[in-house]
Amino acid sequence: NLNHLGTSLGHANVYCARFQMWHPHGGCSTRNGLRRVLNTRIENWEGHMHVLLMGHLHRHVSINAFPEGVLGIACATFQSKGSEFSNRISSPWDVGGQIVSYTVKKDLTPCEFSVQFYPCP
């Protein structure tokens, strides 16, 4: 049930959990900067979501936003270091991906969200 809303925003319902996907403009050079961007987006979102997946920033970081109860994830990248774009990056960055897991209760309410980053060897 994926509804893509263009290159910057989309949403999907996956086993009862509402995922928001966001590809922001601009960038952050630190993990704390990424956390601030994630928190700001979650706090300013008018609808309900369980997970915010954020692309573009090429580093992995995750936060649990309280009291909103949203798992915010900057998803890192699958881009190889040999590409034209990545050769212009001057500082270390994460290459890999992550697995999001959660529990769905009997009443079909999702809970216990977590994410694990798996770097590429």
N, C-alpha and C. Protein backbone atom coordinates (compact mmCIF):
# COMPACT_ATOMS: atom_id res chain seq x y z
N ASN A 1 0.84 -1.19 0.00
CA ASN A 1 0.00 0.00 0.00
C ASN A 1 0.88 1.25 0.00
N LEU A 2 1.75 1.34 -0.98
CA LEU A 2 2.70 2.44 -1.05
C LEU A 2 2.13 3.55 -1.91
N ASN A 3 2.08 4.75 -1.39
CA ASN A 3 1.63 5.92 -2.13
C ASN A 3 2.78 6.92 -2.17
N HIS A 4 3.38 7.06 -3.32
CA HIS A 4 4.50 7.99 -3.46
C HIS A 4 3.97 9.36 -3.84
N LEU A 5 4.45 10.38 -3.15
CA LEU A 5 3.95 11.74 -3.36
C LEU A 5 4.99 12.63 -4.03
N GLY A 6 5.87 12.05 -4.83
CA GLY A 6 6.91 12.84 -5.47
C GLY A 6 8.27 12.44 -4.94
N THR A 7 9.26 13.22 -5.25
CA THR A 7 10.61 12.86 -4.84
C THR A 7 10.92 13.20 -3.39
N SER A 8 10.09 13.98 -2.74
CA SER A 8 10.43 14.44 -1.39
C SER A 8 9.63 13.80 -0.27
N LEU A 9 8.48 13.19 -0.56
CA LEU A 9 7.64 12.71 0.52
C LEU A 9 6.80 11.53 0.06
N GLY A 10 6.62 10.57 0.89
CA GLY A 10 5.77 9.43 0.60
C GLY A 10 5.37 8.75 1.90
N HIS A 11 4.46 7.79 1.83
CA HIS A 11 4.09 7.06 3.03
C HIS A 11 3.70 5.64 2.65
N ALA A 12 3.84 4.76 3.63
CA ALA A 12 3.48 3.36 3.43
C ALA A 12 2.94 2.80 4.73
N ASN A 13 1.97 1.91 4.64
CA ASN A 13 1.50 1.17 5.80
C ASN A 13 2.04 -0.24 5.67
N VAL A 14 2.83 -0.66 6.65
CA VAL A 14 3.47 -1.97 6.61
C VAL A 14 3.08 -2.72 7.89
N TYR A 15 2.28 -3.76 7.74
CA TYR A 15 1.82 -4.55 8.89
C TYR A 15 1.36 -3.65 10.03
N CYS A 16 0.44 -2.78 9.75
CA CYS A 16 -0.24 -1.91 10.70
C CYS A 16 0.57 -0.68 11.13
N ALA A 17 1.82 -0.58 10.74
CA ALA A 17 2.62 0.57 11.13
C ALA A 17 2.64 1.59 10.00
N ARG A 18 2.54 2.85 10.38
CA ARG A 18 2.54 3.94 9.40
C ARG A 18 3.95 4.50 9.28
N PHE A 19 4.52 4.36 8.09
CA PHE A 19 5.86 4.86 7.78
C PHE A 19 5.74 6.13 6.96
N GLN A 20 6.48 7.15 7.32
CA GLN A 20 6.63 8.34 6.50
C GLN A 20 8.04 8.34 5.93
N MET A 21 8.17 8.61 4.65
CA MET A 21 9.46 8.65 3.98
C MET A 21 9.71 10.08 3.50
N TRP A 22 10.86 10.60 3.81
CA TRP A 22 11.15 12.00 3.54
C TRP A 22 12.56 12.13 2.99
N HIS A 23 12.70 12.89 1.93
CA HIS A 23 14.01 13.14 1.32
C HIS A 23 14.23 14.65 1.36
N PRO A 24 14.83 15.14 2.46
CA PRO A 24 14.93 16.59 2.66
C PRO A 24 15.99 17.22 1.75
N HIS A 25 15.92 18.52 1.65
CA HIS A 25 16.94 19.29 0.96
C HIS A 25 17.95 19.76 2.00
N GLY A 26 19.16 20.01 1.58
CA GLY A 26 20.19 20.46 2.52
C GLY A 26 20.92 19.29 3.12
N GLY A 27 21.70 19.54 4.14
CA GLY A 27 22.47 18.48 4.75
C GLY A 27 22.90 18.82 6.16
N CYS A 28 23.45 17.83 6.83
CA CYS A 28 23.98 17.98 8.18
C CYS A 28 25.33 17.28 8.22
N SER A 29 26.26 17.85 8.95
CA SER A 29 27.59 17.25 9.00
C SER A 29 27.81 16.40 10.24
N THR A 30 26.90 16.44 11.21
CA THR A 30 27.08 15.67 12.45
C THR A 30 25.85 14.84 12.76
N ARG A 31 26.04 13.83 13.59
CA ARG A 31 24.91 13.00 14.02
C ARG A 31 23.93 13.81 14.87
N ASN A 32 24.43 14.72 15.70
CA ASN A 32 23.52 15.56 16.49
C ASN A 32 22.69 16.46 15.59
N GLY A 33 23.29 16.94 14.50
CA GLY A 33 22.53 17.73 13.52
C GLY A 33 21.42 16.90 12.90
N LEU A 34 21.71 15.65 12.57
CA LEU A 34 20.68 14.75 12.03
C LEU A 34 19.57 14.53 13.03
N ARG A 35 19.92 14.34 14.29
CA ARG A 35 18.91 14.14 15.32
C ARG A 35 17.99 15.36 15.43
N ARG A 36 18.57 16.56 15.33
CA ARG A 36 17.76 17.77 15.39
C ARG A 36 16.80 17.84 14.21
N VAL A 37 17.28 17.49 13.00
CA VAL A 37 16.42 17.50 11.82
C VAL A 37 15.29 16.50 11.98
N LEU A 38 15.60 15.28 12.43
CA LEU A 38 14.57 14.26 12.65
C LEU A 38 13.55 14.72 13.67
N ASN A 39 14.04 15.22 14.82
CA ASN A 39 13.12 15.68 15.87
C ASN A 39 12.22 16.80 15.39
N THR A 40 12.79 17.76 14.67
CA THR A 40 12.00 18.88 14.17
C THR A 40 10.91 18.40 13.23
N ARG A 41 11.26 17.49 12.32
CA ARG A 41 10.27 16.98 11.36
C ARG A 41 9.15 16.23 12.09
N ILE A 42 9.50 15.42 13.07
CA ILE A 42 8.50 14.67 13.83
C ILE A 42 7.60 15.62 14.61
N GLU A 43 8.18 16.60 15.28
CA GLU A 43 7.39 17.55 16.08
C GLU A 43 6.46 18.39 15.23
N ASN A 44 6.86 18.70 13.99
CA ASN A 44 6.05 19.55 13.12
C ASN A 44 5.06 18.79 12.25
N TRP A 45 5.09 17.46 12.30
CA TRP A 45 4.20 16.64 11.47
C TRP A 45 2.79 16.69 12.04
N GLU A 46 1.80 16.95 11.21
CA GLU A 46 0.42 17.09 11.69
C GLU A 46 -0.31 15.77 11.81
N GLY A 47 0.07 14.78 11.00
CA GLY A 47 -0.60 13.48 11.05
C GLY A 47 0.09 12.55 12.03
N HIS A 48 -0.37 11.30 12.04
CA HIS A 48 0.21 10.29 12.92
C HIS A 48 1.16 9.40 12.13
N MET A 49 2.30 9.10 12.70
CA MET A 49 3.23 8.15 12.10
C MET A 49 3.90 7.35 13.21
N HIS A 50 4.39 6.18 12.86
CA HIS A 50 5.15 5.36 13.78
C HIS A 50 6.65 5.46 13.50
N VAL A 51 7.00 5.58 12.21
CA VAL A 51 8.41 5.61 11.80
C VAL A 51 8.60 6.70 10.75
N LEU A 52 9.65 7.50 10.91
CA LEU A 52 10.07 8.47 9.89
C LEU A 52 11.38 7.98 9.31
N LEU A 53 11.39 7.67 8.02
CA LEU A 53 12.61 7.29 7.31
C LEU A 53 13.08 8.49 6.52
N MET A 54 14.30 8.95 6.79
CA MET A 54 14.81 10.15 6.15
C MET A 54 16.02 9.80 5.29
N GLY A 55 15.98 10.13 4.02
CA GLY A 55 17.10 9.89 3.12
C GLY A 55 17.96 11.12 2.96
N HIS A 56 18.80 11.12 1.95
CA HIS A 56 19.61 12.24 1.46
C HIS A 56 20.87 12.52 2.26
N LEU A 57 20.88 12.33 3.57
CA LEU A 57 21.97 12.86 4.38
C LEU A 57 23.13 11.88 4.56
N HIS A 58 23.01 10.67 4.08
CA HIS A 58 24.13 9.75 3.92
C HIS A 58 24.86 9.39 5.20
N ARG A 59 24.19 9.43 6.31
CA ARG A 59 24.72 8.93 7.58
C ARG A 59 23.58 8.22 8.29
N HIS A 60 23.95 7.20 9.07
CA HIS A 60 22.91 6.50 9.82
C HIS A 60 22.84 7.08 11.23
N VAL A 61 21.65 7.40 11.65
CA VAL A 61 21.38 7.76 13.03
C VAL A 61 19.92 7.45 13.29
N SER A 62 19.59 7.07 14.51
CA SER A 62 18.18 6.84 14.85
C SER A 62 17.88 7.48 16.19
N ILE A 63 16.63 7.90 16.36
CA ILE A 63 16.17 8.50 17.61
C ILE A 63 14.79 7.95 17.94
N ASN A 64 14.45 7.94 19.19
CA ASN A 64 13.09 7.68 19.63
C ASN A 64 12.54 9.01 20.12
N ALA A 65 11.57 9.57 19.43
CA ALA A 65 11.02 10.87 19.79
C ALA A 65 9.95 10.70 20.87
N PHE A 66 10.10 11.44 21.93
CA PHE A 66 9.14 11.41 23.03
C PHE A 66 8.59 12.82 23.20
N PRO A 67 7.31 13.02 23.53
CA PRO A 67 6.32 11.98 23.80
C PRO A 67 5.63 11.44 22.56
N GLU A 68 6.08 11.82 21.36
CA GLU A 68 5.39 11.42 20.14
C GLU A 68 5.43 9.91 19.90
N GLY A 69 6.43 9.20 20.44
CA GLY A 69 6.52 7.77 20.26
C GLY A 69 6.88 7.35 18.84
N VAL A 70 7.64 8.18 18.13
CA VAL A 70 8.01 7.91 16.74
C VAL A 70 9.47 7.50 16.70
N LEU A 71 9.78 6.48 15.90
CA LEU A 71 11.17 6.11 15.64
C LEU A 71 11.63 6.88 14.42
N GLY A 72 12.61 7.75 14.58
CA GLY A 72 13.16 8.53 13.48
C GLY A 72 14.46 7.91 13.02
N ILE A 73 14.62 7.73 11.71
CA ILE A 73 15.80 7.06 11.17
C ILE A 73 16.35 7.85 9.99
N ALA A 74 17.62 8.23 10.07
CA ALA A 74 18.35 8.67 8.89
C ALA A 74 19.03 7.42 8.35
N CYS A 75 18.72 7.07 7.12
CA CYS A 75 18.93 5.70 6.63
C CYS A 75 20.31 5.37 6.11
N ALA A 76 21.27 6.25 6.18
CA ALA A 76 22.59 6.01 5.62
C ALA A 76 22.48 5.87 4.10
N THR A 77 23.35 5.10 3.49
CA THR A 77 23.37 5.04 2.04
C THR A 77 23.88 3.70 1.55
N PHE A 78 23.49 3.37 0.35
CA PHE A 78 24.03 2.20 -0.32
C PHE A 78 25.02 2.59 -1.40
N GLN A 79 25.38 3.86 -1.48
CA GLN A 79 26.22 4.36 -2.56
C GLN A 79 27.67 3.93 -2.35
N SER A 80 28.33 3.45 -3.39
CA SER A 80 29.72 3.00 -3.26
C SER A 80 30.67 4.19 -3.28
N LYS A 81 31.79 4.03 -2.61
CA LYS A 81 32.76 5.12 -2.49
C LYS A 81 33.36 5.51 -3.83
N GLY A 82 33.27 4.65 -4.82
CA GLY A 82 33.87 4.94 -6.12
C GLY A 82 33.02 5.81 -7.03
N SER A 83 31.82 6.18 -6.59
CA SER A 83 30.96 6.98 -7.47
C SER A 83 31.42 8.43 -7.51
N GLU A 84 30.99 9.13 -8.53
CA GLU A 84 31.37 10.53 -8.69
C GLU A 84 30.94 11.36 -7.49
N PHE A 85 29.69 11.13 -7.02
CA PHE A 85 29.19 11.93 -5.89
C PHE A 85 29.98 11.64 -4.62
N SER A 86 30.19 10.38 -4.31
CA SER A 86 30.79 10.05 -3.02
C SER A 86 32.26 10.44 -2.96
N ASN A 87 32.93 10.55 -4.08
CA ASN A 87 34.32 10.98 -4.06
C ASN A 87 34.46 12.44 -3.64
N ARG A 88 33.37 13.21 -3.69
CA ARG A 88 33.40 14.61 -3.27
C ARG A 88 33.18 14.77 -1.77
N ILE A 89 32.83 13.69 -1.07
CA ILE A 89 32.62 13.76 0.37
C ILE A 89 33.96 13.64 1.07
N SER A 90 34.27 14.58 1.95
CA SER A 90 35.61 14.65 2.52
C SER A 90 35.74 13.97 3.88
N SER A 91 34.64 13.63 4.52
CA SER A 91 34.73 13.02 5.84
C SER A 91 34.12 11.62 5.82
N PRO A 92 34.45 10.77 6.82
CA PRO A 92 33.90 9.41 6.83
C PRO A 92 32.38 9.40 6.92
N TRP A 93 31.76 8.39 6.33
CA TRP A 93 30.31 8.28 6.35
C TRP A 93 29.93 6.81 6.30
N ASP A 94 28.71 6.50 6.61
CA ASP A 94 28.25 5.13 6.72
C ASP A 94 27.82 4.59 5.37
N VAL A 95 28.23 3.36 5.08
CA VAL A 95 27.76 2.65 3.90
C VAL A 95 27.10 1.38 4.40
N GLY A 96 25.86 1.18 4.09
CA GLY A 96 25.15 0.00 4.56
C GLY A 96 23.66 0.23 4.54
N GLY A 97 22.97 -0.46 5.40
CA GLY A 97 21.52 -0.33 5.49
C GLY A 97 21.05 -0.77 6.86
N GLN A 98 19.76 -0.79 7.06
CA GLN A 98 19.23 -1.12 8.37
C GLN A 98 17.98 -1.97 8.24
N ILE A 99 17.68 -2.66 9.33
CA ILE A 99 16.45 -3.44 9.43
C ILE A 99 15.63 -2.84 10.56
N VAL A 100 14.39 -2.46 10.24
CA VAL A 100 13.46 -1.94 11.22
C VAL A 100 12.61 -3.10 11.72
N SER A 101 12.49 -3.23 13.02
CA SER A 101 11.65 -4.30 13.57
C SER A 101 10.69 -3.72 14.61
N TYR A 102 9.56 -4.40 14.77
CA TYR A 102 8.58 -3.99 15.75
C TYR A 102 7.61 -5.13 16.00
N THR A 103 6.82 -4.98 17.05
CA THR A 103 5.84 -5.98 17.45
C THR A 103 4.46 -5.49 17.06
N VAL A 104 3.61 -6.39 16.58
CA VAL A 104 2.21 -6.07 16.33
C VAL A 104 1.38 -6.86 17.34
N LYS A 105 0.67 -6.14 18.21
CA LYS A 105 -0.14 -6.79 19.24
C LYS A 105 -1.39 -7.42 18.62
N LYS A 106 -2.10 -8.21 19.41
CA LYS A 106 -3.30 -8.89 18.93
C LYS A 106 -4.36 -7.92 18.42
N ASP A 107 -4.41 -6.72 18.98
CA ASP A 107 -5.38 -5.73 18.51
C ASP A 107 -4.87 -4.96 17.28
N LEU A 108 -3.77 -5.46 16.67
CA LEU A 108 -3.15 -4.89 15.48
C LEU A 108 -2.53 -3.52 15.73
N THR A 109 -2.12 -3.27 16.97
CA THR A 109 -1.41 -2.05 17.31
C THR A 109 0.09 -2.31 17.29
N PRO A 110 0.86 -1.58 16.48
CA PRO A 110 2.31 -1.79 16.46
C PRO A 110 2.99 -1.12 17.66
N CYS A 111 4.04 -1.74 18.15
CA CYS A 111 4.78 -1.19 19.29
C CYS A 111 6.20 -1.75 19.28
N GLU A 112 7.02 -1.33 20.23
CA GLU A 112 8.39 -1.83 20.42
C GLU A 112 9.23 -1.69 19.15
N PHE A 113 9.29 -0.49 18.60
CA PHE A 113 10.05 -0.24 17.38
C PHE A 113 11.54 -0.16 17.68
N SER A 114 12.34 -0.69 16.79
CA SER A 114 13.79 -0.55 16.90
C SER A 114 14.40 -0.65 15.50
N VAL A 115 15.65 -0.24 15.40
CA VAL A 115 16.35 -0.31 14.12
C VAL A 115 17.80 -0.72 14.39
N GLN A 116 18.34 -1.52 13.50
CA GLN A 116 19.74 -1.93 13.60
C GLN A 116 20.43 -1.62 12.28
N PHE A 117 21.57 -0.94 12.36
CA PHE A 117 22.35 -0.61 11.16
C PHE A 117 23.33 -1.74 10.85
N TYR A 118 23.38 -2.13 9.59
CA TYR A 118 24.31 -3.17 9.15
C TYR A 118 25.26 -2.58 8.10
N PRO A 119 26.51 -2.29 8.49
CA PRO A 119 27.43 -1.72 7.52
C PRO A 119 27.83 -2.74 6.46
N CYS A 120 28.10 -2.25 5.27
CA CYS A 120 28.62 -3.11 4.21
C CYS A 120 30.08 -3.43 4.53
N PRO A 121 30.49 -4.68 4.29
CA PRO A 121 31.88 -5.04 4.59
C PRO A 121 32.85 -4.35 3.66
